[in-house]
């Protein structure tokens, strides 16, 4: 037997979740049902407070991470005094 659950959420959240589910080949109903089954099976609720970077931010930081891995740093700022001077010049 099936039943209906009414859940209130922001319209934007619902639309984003619906699009993401569709991108994964799922319905929003299937995603919610999977979460509910996991909740019942594991008897726990998990909320992550770990911030995640957006794709845009990861794209921006990619070249910087490559420079760090290659140890390619600017030599113009090497001391606190240099850093203070740099910020003062802005």
C-alpha atoms as a PDB file:
ATOM      1  CA  UNK A   1       0.000   0.000   0.000  1.00  0.00           C
ATOM      2  CA  UNK A   2       1.252   3.471  -0.818  1.00  0.00           C
ATOM      3  CA  UNK A   3       0.556   6.758   0.942  1.00  0.00           C
ATOM      4  CA  UNK A   4       1.148  10.434   0.316  1.00  0.00           C
ATOM      5  CA  UNK A   5       3.319  12.683   2.478  1.00  0.00           C
ATOM      6  CA  UNK A   6       2.943  16.445   2.177  1.00  0.00           C
ATOM      7  CA  UNK A   7       6.148  18.331   2.872  1.00  0.00           C
ATOM      8  CA  UNK A   8       6.547  22.091   2.829  1.00  0.00           C
ATOM      9  CA  UNK A   9       9.766  23.433   1.380  1.00  0.00           C
ATOM     10  CA  UNK A  10      10.915  26.457  -0.537  1.00  0.00           C
ATOM     11  CA  UNK A  11       9.974  26.427  -4.204  1.00  0.00           C
ATOM     12  CA  UNK A  12      13.581  26.951  -5.304  1.00  0.00           C
ATOM     13  CA  UNK A  13      14.796  24.030  -3.187  1.00  0.00           C
ATOM     14  CA  UNK A  14      12.151  21.740  -4.653  1.00  0.00           C
ATOM     15  CA  UNK A  15      12.978  22.748  -8.219  1.00  0.00           C
ATOM     16  CA  UNK A  16      16.729  22.337  -7.692  1.00  0.00           C
ATOM     17  CA  UNK A  17      16.225  18.931  -6.073  1.00  0.00           C
ATOM     18  CA  UNK A  18      13.864  17.868  -8.861  1.00  0.00           C
ATOM     19  CA  UNK A  19      16.395  18.899 -11.552  1.00  0.00           C
ATOM     20  CA  UNK A  20      19.264  17.152  -9.781  1.00  0.00           C
ATOM     21  CA  UNK A  21      17.215  13.979  -9.346  1.00  0.00           C
ATOM     22  CA  UNK A  22      16.305  14.080 -13.049  1.00  0.00           C
ATOM     23  CA  UNK A  23      19.980  14.574 -13.965  1.00  0.00           C
ATOM     24  CA  UNK A  24      20.697  11.385 -12.017  1.00  0.00           C
ATOM     25  CA  UNK A  25      17.843   9.564 -13.766  1.00  0.00           C
ATOM     26  CA  UNK A  26      15.607   9.545 -10.700  1.00  0.00           C
ATOM     27  CA  UNK A  27      12.333  11.083  -9.674  1.00  0.00           C
ATOM     28  CA  UNK A  28      12.177  13.322  -6.630  1.00  0.00           C
ATOM     29  CA  UNK A  29       9.796  10.779  -5.118  1.00  0.00           C
ATOM     30  CA  UNK A  30      12.403   8.022  -5.536  1.00  0.00           C
ATOM     31  CA  UNK A  31      15.038  10.164  -3.799  1.00  0.00           C
ATOM     32  CA  UNK A  32      12.752  10.960  -0.853  1.00  0.00           C
ATOM     33  CA  UNK A  33      11.737   7.292  -0.550  1.00  0.00           C
ATOM     34  CA  UNK A  34      15.392   6.210  -0.556  1.00  0.00           C
ATOM     35  CA  UNK A  35      16.186   8.675   2.236  1.00  0.00           C
ATOM     36  CA  UNK A  36      13.176   7.527   4.267  1.00  0.00           C
ATOM     37  CA  UNK A  37      14.152   3.856   3.869  1.00  0.00           C
ATOM     38  CA  UNK A  38      17.712   4.639   4.920  1.00  0.00           C
ATOM     39  CA  UNK A  39      16.379   6.548   7.946  1.00  0.00           C
ATOM     40  CA  UNK A  40      14.246   3.571   9.010  1.00  0.00           C
ATOM     41  CA  UNK A  41      16.996   1.019   8.327  1.00  0.00           C
ATOM     42  CA  UNK A  42      19.819   2.898  10.105  1.00  0.00           C
ATOM     43  CA  UNK A  43      17.719   4.674  12.746  1.00  0.00           C
ATOM     44  CA  UNK A  44      19.799   7.809  12.345  1.00  0.00           C
ATOM     45  CA  UNK A  45      19.620  11.191  10.705  1.00  0.00           C
ATOM     46  CA  UNK A  46      22.742  12.659   9.182  1.00  0.00           C
ATOM     47  CA  UNK A  47      23.203  16.347   8.489  1.00  0.00           C
ATOM     48  CA  UNK A  48      26.535  17.530   7.221  1.00  0.00           C
ATOM     49  CA  UNK A  49      27.785  20.861   8.469  1.00  0.00           C
ATOM     50  CA  UNK A  50      30.967  20.551   6.459  1.00  0.00           C
ATOM     51  CA  UNK A  51      30.936  23.329   3.904  1.00  0.00           C
ATOM     52  CA  UNK A  52      31.455  22.251   0.329  1.00  0.00           C
ATOM     53  CA  UNK A  53      32.935  24.377  -2.375  1.00  0.00           C
ATOM     54  CA  UNK A  54      30.810  25.234  -5.349  1.00  0.00           C
ATOM     55  CA  UNK A  55      31.928  24.069  -8.781  1.00  0.00           C
ATOM     56  CA  UNK A  56      32.628  27.686  -9.694  1.00  0.00           C
ATOM     57  CA  UNK A  57      34.927  28.173  -6.705  1.00  0.00           C
ATOM     58  CA  UNK A  58      36.738  24.894  -7.406  1.00  0.00           C
ATOM     59  CA  UNK A  59      37.309  26.087 -10.978  1.00  0.00           C
ATOM     60  CA  UNK A  60      38.739  29.379  -9.741  1.00  0.00           C
ATOM     61  CA  UNK A  61      40.993  27.706  -7.178  1.00  0.00           C
ATOM     62  CA  UNK A  62      42.274  24.985  -9.528  1.00  0.00           C
ATOM     63  CA  UNK A  63      45.142  27.034 -10.993  1.00  0.00           C
ATOM     64  CA  UNK A  64      46.137  28.228  -7.519  1.00  0.00           C
ATOM     65  CA  UNK A  65      46.284  24.649  -6.217  1.00  0.00           C
ATOM     66  CA  UNK A  66      48.465  23.696  -9.196  1.00  0.00           C
ATOM     67  CA  UNK A  67      50.848  26.551  -8.351  1.00  0.00           C
ATOM     68  CA  UNK A  68      51.007  25.396  -4.739  1.00  0.00           C
ATOM     69  CA  UNK A  69      51.776  21.800  -5.795  1.00  0.00           C
ATOM     70  CA  UNK A  70      54.545  23.062  -8.079  1.00  0.00           C
ATOM     71  CA  UNK A  71      55.760  25.370  -5.295  1.00  0.00           C
ATOM     72  CA  UNK A  72      55.315  28.335  -7.582  1.00  0.00           C
ATOM     73  CA  UNK A  73      54.907  31.290  -5.246  1.00  0.00           C
ATOM     74  CA  UNK A  74      55.317  34.995  -5.629  1.00  0.00           C
ATOM     75  CA  UNK A  75      58.662  36.120  -4.297  1.00  0.00           C
ATOM     76  CA  UNK A  76      57.555  39.730  -3.842  1.00  0.00           C
ATOM     77  CA  UNK A  77      55.894  39.042  -0.488  1.00  0.00           C
ATOM     78  CA  UNK A  78      58.197  37.118   1.832  1.00  0.00           C
ATOM     79  CA  UNK A  79      57.867  38.889   5.198  1.00  0.00           C
ATOM     80  CA  UNK A  80      55.122  40.407   7.298  1.00  0.00           C
ATOM     81  CA  UNK A  81      56.526  43.838   6.499  1.00  0.00           C
ATOM     82  CA  UNK A  82      56.244  43.082   2.744  1.00  0.00           C
ATOM     83  CA  UNK A  83      52.683  41.893   3.248  1.00  0.00           C
ATOM     84  CA  UNK A  84      51.756  45.019   5.228  1.00  0.00           C
ATOM     85  CA  UNK A  85      53.286  47.184   2.509  1.00  0.00           C
ATOM     86  CA  UNK A  86      51.397  45.293  -0.177  1.00  0.00           C
ATOM     87  CA  UNK A  87      48.034  45.724   1.572  1.00  0.00           C
ATOM     88  CA  UNK A  88      48.776  49.375   2.307  1.00  0.00           C
ATOM     89  CA  UNK A  89      49.366  49.946  -1.394  1.00  0.00           C
ATOM     90  CA  UNK A  90      45.917  48.691  -2.365  1.00  0.00           C
END
